[in-house]
Every structure is written in structure tokens, then in C-alpha cells.
Amino acid sequence: MSPVTTINAKANTLTTTETSTVETTITTCPGGVCSTLTVPVTTITSEATTTATISCEDNEEDITSTKPSC
């Protein structure tokens, strides 16, 4: 599943949420005929939040952004 990214520009935060499903495979062979069944076991949700800060100092690595008026 693709990650979902939410940006809160006012609070300068970036939150990325990704959901993964854990599955298990069950194989049965009644009467010598085998069949395989894949079933979901659980869903895992992971979330990462990044906070951005704006500085009035010069930063050589940040040459593409617009600096705020200080």
C-alpha cells in the first residue's frame, strides 16, 4: 500500500503514514489434493512525523528556499 503523506503548513510538520498487512499461507492436502490459502493475520500502521524549522541564518545547503524577513 502506498504511504499517505499529510502536510500541515501552519505547524511546519510533515506526517507520513504507511499501512502494511501481515499474511500467512495455509496449505492443506485432503485426499492427496493440495490447496493453498493466503489469509491476512494483522495490519501494521507506522507513522513518522518530521518538524521543519525556519532560521534567519544563512545556510549554504538551503540555497533554493526563500528566507523569511528577519
C-alpha atoms as a PDB file:
ATOM      1  CA  MET A   1       0.000   0.000   0.000  1.00  0.00           C
ATOM      2  CA  SER A   2       1.310   3.478  -0.802  1.00  0.00           C
ATOM      3  CA  PRO A   3       2.242   5.782   2.050  1.00  0.00           C
ATOM      4  CA  VAL A   4      -0.121   8.649   2.828  1.00  0.00           C
ATOM      5  CA  THR A   5       1.601  11.985   3.405  1.00  0.00           C
ATOM      6  CA  THR A   6      -0.111  14.835   5.255  1.00  0.00           C
ATOM      7  CA  ILE A   7       1.421  18.312   5.356  1.00  0.00           C
ATOM      8  CA  ASN A   8       0.392  20.854   7.986  1.00  0.00           C
ATOM      9  CA  ALA A   9       1.969  24.060   6.660  1.00  0.00           C
ATOM     10  CA  LYS A  10       0.888  26.190   9.615  1.00  0.00           C
ATOM     11  CA  ALA A  11       2.625  23.961  12.158  1.00  0.00           C
ATOM     12  CA  ASN A  12       5.515  23.134   9.781  1.00  0.00           C
ATOM     13  CA  THR A  13       5.034  19.380  10.230  1.00  0.00           C
ATOM     14  CA  LEU A  14       5.111  16.538   7.737  1.00  0.00           C
ATOM     15  CA  THR A  15       3.444  13.254   8.719  1.00  0.00           C
ATOM     16  CA  THR A  16       3.823  10.062   6.681  1.00  0.00           C
ATOM     17  CA  THR A  17       1.613   7.063   7.475  1.00  0.00           C
ATOM     18  CA  GLU A  18       2.111   3.634   5.900  1.00  0.00           C
ATOM     19  CA  THR A  19      -0.077   0.562   6.421  1.00  0.00           C
ATOM     20  CA  SER A  20       1.189  -2.987   5.863  1.00  0.00           C
ATOM     21  CA  THR A  21      -0.717  -6.271   6.085  1.00  0.00           C
ATOM     22  CA  VAL A  22       0.943  -9.377   7.520  1.00  0.00           C
ATOM     23  CA  GLU A  23      -0.288 -12.534   5.785  1.00  0.00           C
ATOM     24  CA  THR A  24       0.139 -16.253   6.381  1.00  0.00           C
ATOM     25  CA  THR A  25      -0.161 -19.134   3.944  1.00  0.00           C
ATOM     26  CA  ILE A  26      -2.032 -22.305   4.893  1.00  0.00           C
ATOM     27  CA  THR A  27      -1.590 -25.451   2.786  1.00  0.00           C
ATOM     28  CA  THR A  28      -3.951 -28.409   3.180  1.00  0.00           C
ATOM     29  CA  CYS A  29      -3.914 -31.712   1.312  1.00  0.00           C
ATOM     30  CA  PRO A  30      -7.230 -33.547   1.839  1.00  0.00           C
ATOM     31  CA  GLY A  31      -7.347 -36.758  -0.192  1.00  0.00           C
ATOM     32  CA  GLY A  32      -3.979 -36.060  -1.801  1.00  0.00           C
ATOM     33  CA  VAL A  33      -5.150 -32.835  -3.479  1.00  0.00           C
ATOM     34  CA  CYS A  34      -3.299 -29.834  -2.072  1.00  0.00           C
ATOM     35  CA  SER A  35      -4.627 -26.313  -1.929  1.00  0.00           C
ATOM     36  CA  THR A  36      -3.034 -23.142  -0.596  1.00  0.00           C
ATOM     37  CA  LEU A  37      -4.897 -20.324   1.117  1.00  0.00           C
ATOM     38  CA  THR A  38      -3.343 -16.945   1.961  1.00  0.00           C
ATOM     39  CA  VAL A  39      -5.072 -15.091   4.787  1.00  0.00           C
ATOM     40  CA  PRO A  40      -4.335 -11.743   6.467  1.00  0.00           C
ATOM     41  CA  VAL A  41      -3.151 -12.030  10.071  1.00  0.00           C
ATOM     42  CA  THR A  42      -2.839  -8.427  11.175  1.00  0.00           C
ATOM     43  CA  THR A  43      -2.375  -4.891   9.887  1.00  0.00           C
ATOM     44  CA  ILE A  44       0.586  -2.781  10.965  1.00  0.00           C
ATOM     45  CA  THR A  45       0.437   1.014  10.761  1.00  0.00           C
ATOM     46  CA  SER A  46       3.633   3.015  11.017  1.00  0.00           C
ATOM     47  CA  GLU A  47       3.745   6.792  11.277  1.00  0.00           C
ATOM     48  CA  ALA A  48       6.650   9.213  11.054  1.00  0.00           C
ATOM     49  CA  THR A  49       6.394  12.930  11.824  1.00  0.00           C
ATOM     50  CA  THR A  50       9.012  15.459  10.758  1.00  0.00           C
ATOM     51  CA  THR A  51       9.040  19.012  12.093  1.00  0.00           C
ATOM     52  CA  ALA A  52      10.518  21.758   9.922  1.00  0.00           C
ATOM     53  CA  THR A  53      12.062  24.885  11.381  1.00  0.00           C
ATOM     54  CA  ILE A  54      12.833  28.168   9.632  1.00  0.00           C
ATOM     55  CA  SER A  55      16.011  30.007  10.502  1.00  0.00           C
ATOM     56  CA  CYS A  56      17.086  33.548   9.659  1.00  0.00           C
ATOM     57  CA  GLU A  57      20.714  32.430   9.469  1.00  0.00           C
ATOM     58  CA  ASP A  58      22.395  31.784   6.130  1.00  0.00           C
ATOM     59  CA  ASN A  59      22.717  28.125   5.258  1.00  0.00           C
ATOM     60  CA  GLU A  60      24.775  27.076   2.238  1.00  0.00           C
ATOM     61  CA  GLU A  61      22.815  23.817   1.883  1.00  0.00           C
ATOM     62  CA  ASP A  62      19.483  25.647   1.734  1.00  0.00           C
ATOM     63  CA  ILE A  63      20.072  27.808  -1.345  1.00  0.00           C
ATOM     64  CA  THR A  64      16.750  27.037  -3.064  1.00  0.00           C
ATOM     65  CA  SER A  65      14.394  28.193  -0.321  1.00  0.00           C
ATOM     66  CA  THR A  66      13.206  31.711   0.380  1.00  0.00           C
ATOM     67  CA  LYS A  67      14.439  33.065   3.681  1.00  0.00           C
ATOM     68  CA  PRO A  68      11.967  34.884   5.931  1.00  0.00           C
ATOM     69  CA  SER A  69      12.418  38.588   6.604  1.00  0.00           C
ATOM     70  CA  CYS A  70      14.067  38.939   9.987  1.00  0.00           C
END
